[in-house]
C-alpha atoms as a PDB file:
ATOM      1  CA  MET A   1     -16.392  -1.591  23.368  1.00  0.00           C
ATOM      2  CA  GLY A   2     -13.369  -3.532  24.301  1.00  0.00           C
ATOM      3  CA  LYS A   3     -10.996  -2.927  21.578  1.00  0.00           C
ATOM      4  CA  TYR A   4     -11.080   0.806  21.913  1.00  0.00           C
ATOM      5  CA  CYS A   5      -8.159   3.050  23.687  1.00  0.00           C
ATOM      6  CA  GLU A   6      -9.859   5.897  25.627  1.00  0.00           C
ATOM      7  CA  ILE A   7      -6.992   8.113  25.619  1.00  0.00           C
ATOM      8  CA  CYS A   8      -5.907   8.301  21.675  1.00  0.00           C
ATOM      9  CA  GLU A   9      -9.308   6.863  20.477  1.00  0.00           C
ATOM     10  CA  LYS A  10      -7.373   4.092  18.474  1.00  0.00           C
ATOM     11  CA  ALA A  11     -10.147   1.248  17.585  1.00  0.00           C
ATOM     12  CA  THR A  12     -10.218  -1.690  15.432  1.00  0.00           C
ATOM     13  CA  LEU A  13      -9.578  -1.447  11.391  1.00  0.00           C
ATOM     14  CA  ASN A  14     -11.033  -4.205   9.251  1.00  0.00           C
ATOM     15  CA  GLY A  15      -9.707  -5.510   5.672  1.00  0.00           C
ATOM     16  CA  HIS A  16      -8.938  -8.406   3.641  1.00  0.00           C
ATOM     17  CA  SER A  17      -6.564 -11.276   4.362  1.00  0.00           C
ATOM     18  CA  VAL A  18      -4.984 -11.962   0.741  1.00  0.00           C
ATOM     19  CA  SER A  19      -4.076 -15.548   0.065  1.00  0.00           C
ATOM     20  CA  HIS A  20      -1.498 -16.549  -2.657  1.00  0.00           C
ATOM     21  CA  SER A  21      -4.131 -17.249  -4.755  1.00  0.00           C
ATOM     22  CA  ASN A  22      -5.575 -13.601  -4.134  1.00  0.00           C
ATOM     23  CA  ARG A  23      -8.560 -14.795  -2.487  1.00  0.00           C
ATOM     24  CA  LYS A  24      -9.716 -12.335  -0.101  1.00  0.00           C
ATOM     25  CA  THR A  25     -11.249 -13.083   3.188  1.00  0.00           C
ATOM     26  CA  ASN A  26     -12.518 -10.500   5.831  1.00  0.00           C
ATOM     27  CA  ARG A  27     -10.268  -9.829   9.040  1.00  0.00           C
ATOM     28  CA  ILE A  28      -9.951  -7.529  11.979  1.00  0.00           C
ATOM     29  CA  TRP A  29      -6.585  -5.709  13.228  1.00  0.00           C
ATOM     30  CA  ALA A  30      -7.160  -4.836  16.879  1.00  0.00           C
ATOM     31  CA  PRO A  31      -5.166  -2.657  19.079  1.00  0.00           C
ATOM     32  CA  ASN A  32      -3.653  -4.290  22.105  1.00  0.00           C
ATOM     33  CA  VAL A  33      -6.101  -2.527  24.772  1.00  0.00           C
ATOM     34  CA  GLN A  34      -5.741  -3.478  28.463  1.00  0.00           C
ATOM     35  CA  SER A  35      -7.975  -2.438  31.300  1.00  0.00           C
ATOM     36  CA  VAL A  36      -5.991  -0.498  33.757  1.00  0.00           C
ATOM     37  CA  ARG A  37      -6.661   1.704  36.802  1.00  0.00           C
ATOM     38  CA  VAL A  38      -5.689   5.425  35.892  1.00  0.00           C
ATOM     39  CA  MET A  39      -5.587   8.477  37.949  1.00  0.00           C
ATOM     40  CA  VAL A  40      -8.045  10.927  36.499  1.00  0.00           C
ATOM     41  CA  ASN A  41      -8.618  14.475  38.332  1.00  0.00           C
ATOM     42  CA  GLY A  42      -7.093  12.790  41.549  1.00  0.00           C
ATOM     43  CA  ALA A  43      -9.521   9.704  41.532  1.00  0.00           C
ATOM     44  CA  ALA A  44      -8.692   6.327  40.419  1.00  0.00           C
ATOM     45  CA  LYS A  45     -10.909   5.259  37.547  1.00  0.00           C
ATOM     46  CA  ARG A  46     -10.631   2.007  35.205  1.00  0.00           C
ATOM     47  CA  MET A  47      -9.976   2.880  31.593  1.00  0.00           C
ATOM     48  CA  ASN A  48      -9.239   1.020  28.309  1.00  0.00           C
ATOM     49  CA  VAL A  49      -5.796   1.977  27.503  1.00  0.00           C
ATOM     50  CA  CYS A  50      -3.635   0.633  24.516  1.00  0.00           C
ATOM     51  CA  THR A  51      -0.266  -0.245  25.370  1.00  0.00           C
ATOM     52  CA  ARG A  52       1.403   2.482  23.366  1.00  0.00           C
ATOM     53  CA  CYS A  53      -0.290   4.880  25.620  1.00  0.00           C
ATOM     54  CA  LEU A  54       0.736   3.287  28.571  1.00  0.00           C
ATOM     55  CA  ARG A  55       4.560   2.976  27.492  1.00  0.00           C
ATOM     56  CA  SER A  56       4.862   6.716  26.310  1.00  0.00           C
ATOM     57  CA  GLY A  57       3.584   7.829  29.678  1.00  0.00           C
ATOM     58  CA  LYS A  58       0.390   9.380  28.362  1.00  0.00           C
ATOM     59  CA  VAL A  59      -1.434   7.876  31.537  1.00  0.00           C
ATOM     60  CA  GLU A  60      -0.493   7.884  35.070  1.00  0.00           C
ATOM     61  CA  ARG A  61      -1.214   4.642  36.705  1.00  0.00           C
ATOM     62  CA  ALA A  62      -3.460   4.271  39.991  1.00  0.00           C
ATOM     63  CA  LEU A  63      -1.148   1.696  41.765  1.00  0.00           C
ATOM     64  CA  PRO A  64      -2.972   0.159  45.032  1.00  0.00           C
ATOM     65  CA  LYS A  65      -1.529   0.898  48.329  1.00  0.00           C
ATOM     66  CA  THR A  66       1.093  -1.519  49.657  1.00  0.00           C
ATOM     67  CA  ARG A  67       1.030  -2.849  53.177  1.00  0.00           C
ATOM     68  CA  GLU A  68       3.776  -0.752  54.337  1.00  0.00           C
ATOM     69  CA  GLU A  69       1.937   2.532  53.085  1.00  0.00           C
ATOM     70  CA  ALA A  70      -1.363   1.685  54.621  1.00  0.00           C
END
């Protein structure tokens, strides 16, 4: 499932787009979910995380080692 945050469990919502003439068509509101490498129990794991969880610091990013560190 692509549009699902594994941290806060935010998922897609559905509803209607309502035109000026009040005609209703189906639409989807999807969260901004990014696939990132996250530290989980000391190991790097790839997870789907929404940008609000990334910005608020609910997850710790697993950044790759640079040449200087290796």
